[in-house]
C-alpha atoms as a PDB file:
ATOM      1  CA  UNK A   1       0.000   0.000   0.000  1.00  0.00           C
ATOM      2  CA  UNK A   2       1.404   3.353  -1.027  1.00  0.00           C
ATOM      3  CA  UNK A   3       1.090   6.242   1.436  1.00  0.00           C
ATOM      4  CA  UNK A   4       0.562   9.834   0.408  1.00  0.00           C
ATOM      5  CA  UNK A   5       2.838  12.494   1.819  1.00  0.00           C
ATOM      6  CA  UNK A   6       1.012  15.307   3.584  1.00  0.00           C
ATOM      7  CA  UNK A   7       2.850  18.640   3.625  1.00  0.00           C
ATOM      8  CA  UNK A   8       0.483  20.600   5.849  1.00  0.00           C
ATOM      9  CA  UNK A   9      -2.494  20.105   8.115  1.00  0.00           C
ATOM     10  CA  UNK A  10      -4.204  23.344   9.033  1.00  0.00           C
ATOM     11  CA  UNK A  11      -7.486  24.168  10.683  1.00  0.00           C
ATOM     12  CA  UNK A  12      -9.605  26.726   8.848  1.00  0.00           C
ATOM     13  CA  UNK A  13     -13.054  28.256   8.840  1.00  0.00           C
ATOM     14  CA  UNK A  14     -15.151  28.889   5.757  1.00  0.00           C
ATOM     15  CA  UNK A  15     -16.669  32.342   6.362  1.00  0.00           C
ATOM     16  CA  UNK A  16     -20.324  33.356   6.153  1.00  0.00           C
ATOM     17  CA  UNK A  17     -19.926  34.159   2.422  1.00  0.00           C
ATOM     18  CA  UNK A  18     -18.574  30.615   1.805  1.00  0.00           C
ATOM     19  CA  UNK A  19     -15.000  31.806   1.226  1.00  0.00           C
ATOM     20  CA  UNK A  20     -12.006  29.702   2.242  1.00  0.00           C
ATOM     21  CA  UNK A  21      -8.693  31.397   2.961  1.00  0.00           C
ATOM     22  CA  UNK A  22      -5.956  29.385   1.265  1.00  0.00           C
ATOM     23  CA  UNK A  23      -2.861  28.915   3.474  1.00  0.00           C
ATOM     24  CA  UNK A  24      -0.074  31.275   2.369  1.00  0.00           C
ATOM     25  CA  UNK A  25       2.449  28.438   2.016  1.00  0.00           C
ATOM     26  CA  UNK A  26       0.162  26.728  -0.495  1.00  0.00           C
ATOM     27  CA  UNK A  27      -0.688  29.962  -2.321  1.00  0.00           C
ATOM     28  CA  UNK A  28       2.974  30.929  -2.704  1.00  0.00           C
ATOM     29  CA  UNK A  29       4.005  27.465  -3.892  1.00  0.00           C
ATOM     30  CA  UNK A  30       1.251  27.256  -6.475  1.00  0.00           C
ATOM     31  CA  UNK A  31       1.737  30.817  -7.769  1.00  0.00           C
ATOM     32  CA  UNK A  32      -1.907  31.587  -7.224  1.00  0.00           C
ATOM     33  CA  UNK A  33      -1.139  35.258  -7.692  1.00  0.00           C
ATOM     34  CA  UNK A  34      -0.714  34.541 -11.418  1.00  0.00           C
ATOM     35  CA  UNK A  35      -3.235  31.719 -11.906  1.00  0.00           C
ATOM     36  CA  UNK A  36      -6.590  32.715 -10.492  1.00  0.00           C
ATOM     37  CA  UNK A  37      -8.527  29.499 -11.044  1.00  0.00           C
ATOM     38  CA  UNK A  38      -8.741  26.153  -9.293  1.00  0.00           C
ATOM     39  CA  UNK A  39     -10.612  22.920  -9.953  1.00  0.00           C
ATOM     40  CA  UNK A  40     -12.764  21.250  -7.298  1.00  0.00           C
ATOM     41  CA  UNK A  41     -14.425  17.888  -6.922  1.00  0.00           C
ATOM     42  CA  UNK A  42     -15.904  15.768  -4.138  1.00  0.00           C
ATOM     43  CA  UNK A  43     -14.299  12.370  -3.491  1.00  0.00           C
ATOM     44  CA  UNK A  44     -16.311   9.225  -2.795  1.00  0.00           C
ATOM     45  CA  UNK A  45     -15.537   9.576   0.926  1.00  0.00           C
ATOM     46  CA  UNK A  46     -17.003  13.099   0.945  1.00  0.00           C
ATOM     47  CA  UNK A  47     -13.939  15.288   1.262  1.00  0.00           C
ATOM     48  CA  UNK A  48     -13.595  18.236  -1.078  1.00  0.00           C
ATOM     49  CA  UNK A  49     -10.494  18.164  -3.305  1.00  0.00           C
ATOM     50  CA  UNK A  50      -9.046  21.380  -4.708  1.00  0.00           C
ATOM     51  CA  UNK A  51      -6.550  21.144  -7.585  1.00  0.00           C
ATOM     52  CA  UNK A  52      -4.388  24.045  -8.768  1.00  0.00           C
ATOM     53  CA  UNK A  53      -4.045  22.596 -12.268  1.00  0.00           C
ATOM     54  CA  UNK A  54      -6.799  20.758 -14.098  1.00  0.00           C
ATOM     55  CA  UNK A  55      -6.561  17.086 -13.101  1.00  0.00           C
ATOM     56  CA  UNK A  56      -5.895  14.873 -16.093  1.00  0.00           C
ATOM     57  CA  UNK A  57      -7.566  11.830 -14.536  1.00  0.00           C
ATOM     58  CA  UNK A  58      -9.841  11.009 -11.685  1.00  0.00           C
ATOM     59  CA  UNK A  59     -10.751   7.438 -10.744  1.00  0.00           C
ATOM     60  CA  UNK A  60     -13.266   6.161 -13.304  1.00  0.00           C
ATOM     61  CA  UNK A  61     -15.458   4.706 -10.572  1.00  0.00           C
ATOM     62  CA  UNK A  62     -15.931   8.057  -8.880  1.00  0.00           C
ATOM     63  CA  UNK A  63     -17.996   9.688 -11.631  1.00  0.00           C
ATOM     64  CA  UNK A  64     -16.923  12.947 -10.006  1.00  0.00           C
ATOM     65  CA  UNK A  65     -17.865  16.278 -11.462  1.00  0.00           C
ATOM     66  CA  UNK A  66     -15.007  18.778 -11.702  1.00  0.00           C
ATOM     67  CA  UNK A  67     -16.009  22.382 -11.089  1.00  0.00           C
ATOM     68  CA  UNK A  68     -13.871  25.372 -11.972  1.00  0.00           C
ATOM     69  CA  UNK A  69     -13.697  28.285  -9.525  1.00  0.00           C
ATOM     70  CA  UNK A  70     -11.845  31.565  -9.210  1.00  0.00           C
ATOM     71  CA  UNK A  71      -9.588  32.711  -6.405  1.00  0.00           C
ATOM     72  CA  UNK A  72      -9.552  36.296  -5.189  1.00  0.00           C
ATOM     73  CA  UNK A  73      -6.702  38.194  -3.589  1.00  0.00           C
ATOM     74  CA  UNK A  74      -7.673  40.651  -0.872  1.00  0.00           C
ATOM     75  CA  UNK A  75      -5.682  43.823  -1.496  1.00  0.00           C
ATOM     76  CA  UNK A  76      -5.820  44.815   2.183  1.00  0.00           C
ATOM     77  CA  UNK A  77      -4.176  41.725   3.651  1.00  0.00           C
ATOM     78  CA  UNK A  78      -2.796  39.819   0.635  1.00  0.00           C
ATOM     79  CA  UNK A  79      -4.723  36.659   1.541  1.00  0.00           C
ATOM     80  CA  UNK A  80      -6.006  34.393  -1.201  1.00  0.00           C
ATOM     81  CA  UNK A  81      -9.623  33.342  -0.867  1.00  0.00           C
ATOM     82  CA  UNK A  82     -11.651  30.780  -2.739  1.00  0.00           C
ATOM     83  CA  UNK A  83     -15.443  30.856  -3.023  1.00  0.00           C
ATOM     84  CA  UNK A  84     -16.995  27.414  -2.408  1.00  0.00           C
ATOM     85  CA  UNK A  85     -19.598  26.848  -5.183  1.00  0.00           C
ATOM     86  CA  UNK A  86     -23.191  26.341  -4.037  1.00  0.00           C
ATOM     87  CA  UNK A  87     -23.314  22.840  -5.513  1.00  0.00           C
ATOM     88  CA  UNK A  88     -20.441  21.726  -3.224  1.00  0.00           C
ATOM     89  CA  UNK A  89     -21.694  23.274   0.011  1.00  0.00           C
ATOM     90  CA  UNK A  90     -23.671  20.149   0.907  1.00  0.00           C
ATOM     91  CA  UNK A  91     -20.622  17.866   0.718  1.00  0.00           C
ATOM     92  CA  UNK A  92     -19.537  15.870   3.753  1.00  0.00           C
ATOM     93  CA  UNK A  93     -16.660  18.338   4.179  1.00  0.00           C
ATOM     94  CA  UNK A  94     -19.138  20.672   5.873  1.00  0.00           C
ATOM     95  CA  UNK A  95     -20.930  17.987   7.938  1.00  0.00           C
ATOM     96  CA  UNK A  96     -20.043  19.671  11.240  1.00  0.00           C
ATOM     97  CA  UNK A  97     -20.401  23.205   9.903  1.00  0.00           C
ATOM     98  CA  UNK A  98     -17.832  25.462   8.319  1.00  0.00           C
ATOM     99  CA  UNK A  99     -14.870  24.380  10.433  1.00  0.00           C
ATOM    100  CA  UNK A 100     -12.558  22.312   8.248  1.00  0.00           C
ATOM    101  CA  UNK A 101      -9.083  20.832   8.252  1.00  0.00           C
ATOM    102  CA  UNK A 102      -6.952  21.500   5.175  1.00  0.00           C
ATOM    103  CA  UNK A 103      -4.633  18.659   4.159  1.00  0.00           C
ATOM    104  CA  UNK A 104      -2.000  19.672   1.611  1.00  0.00           C
ATOM    105  CA  UNK A 105      -0.846  16.854  -0.688  1.00  0.00           C
ATOM    106  CA  UNK A 106       1.330  18.976  -2.969  1.00  0.00           C
ATOM    107  CA  UNK A 107      -0.690  18.832  -6.195  1.00  0.00           C
ATOM    108  CA  UNK A 108      -4.007  19.269  -4.394  1.00  0.00           C
ATOM    109  CA  UNK A 109      -5.494  20.165  -1.049  1.00  0.00           C
ATOM    110  CA  UNK A 110      -8.367  18.387   0.647  1.00  0.00           C
ATOM    111  CA  UNK A 111     -10.982  19.790   3.014  1.00  0.00           C
ATOM    112  CA  UNK A 112     -12.149  17.520   5.830  1.00  0.00           C
ATOM    113  CA  UNK A 113     -14.879  18.179   8.421  1.00  0.00           C
ATOM    114  CA  UNK A 114     -13.777  19.264  11.880  1.00  0.00           C
ATOM    115  CA  UNK A 115     -16.169  19.185  14.860  1.00  0.00           C
END
């Protein structure tokens, strides 16, 4: 069994406008200041995956829909924020509310519910 390397685990809160602040280490690494779009999908286990480049393949069994979304940089604080699309707000990632854990896997990040 092959294990995935996790670079970062961070607790976060999706705000009342359904915006997620992307950790600065991830934003800097992925050059989000130049590329203002990401690709999102929900895995079979319910976590929300966010890719910074369009994924070439997803498991055929998943039948997952890939949504494209824009990131926004706040000029006041330099933070990068991502709006969670309405169609993904009912995913298991938000089972306990808007408190989530961000797991950084290098080519993608995953959002997991946090009680």
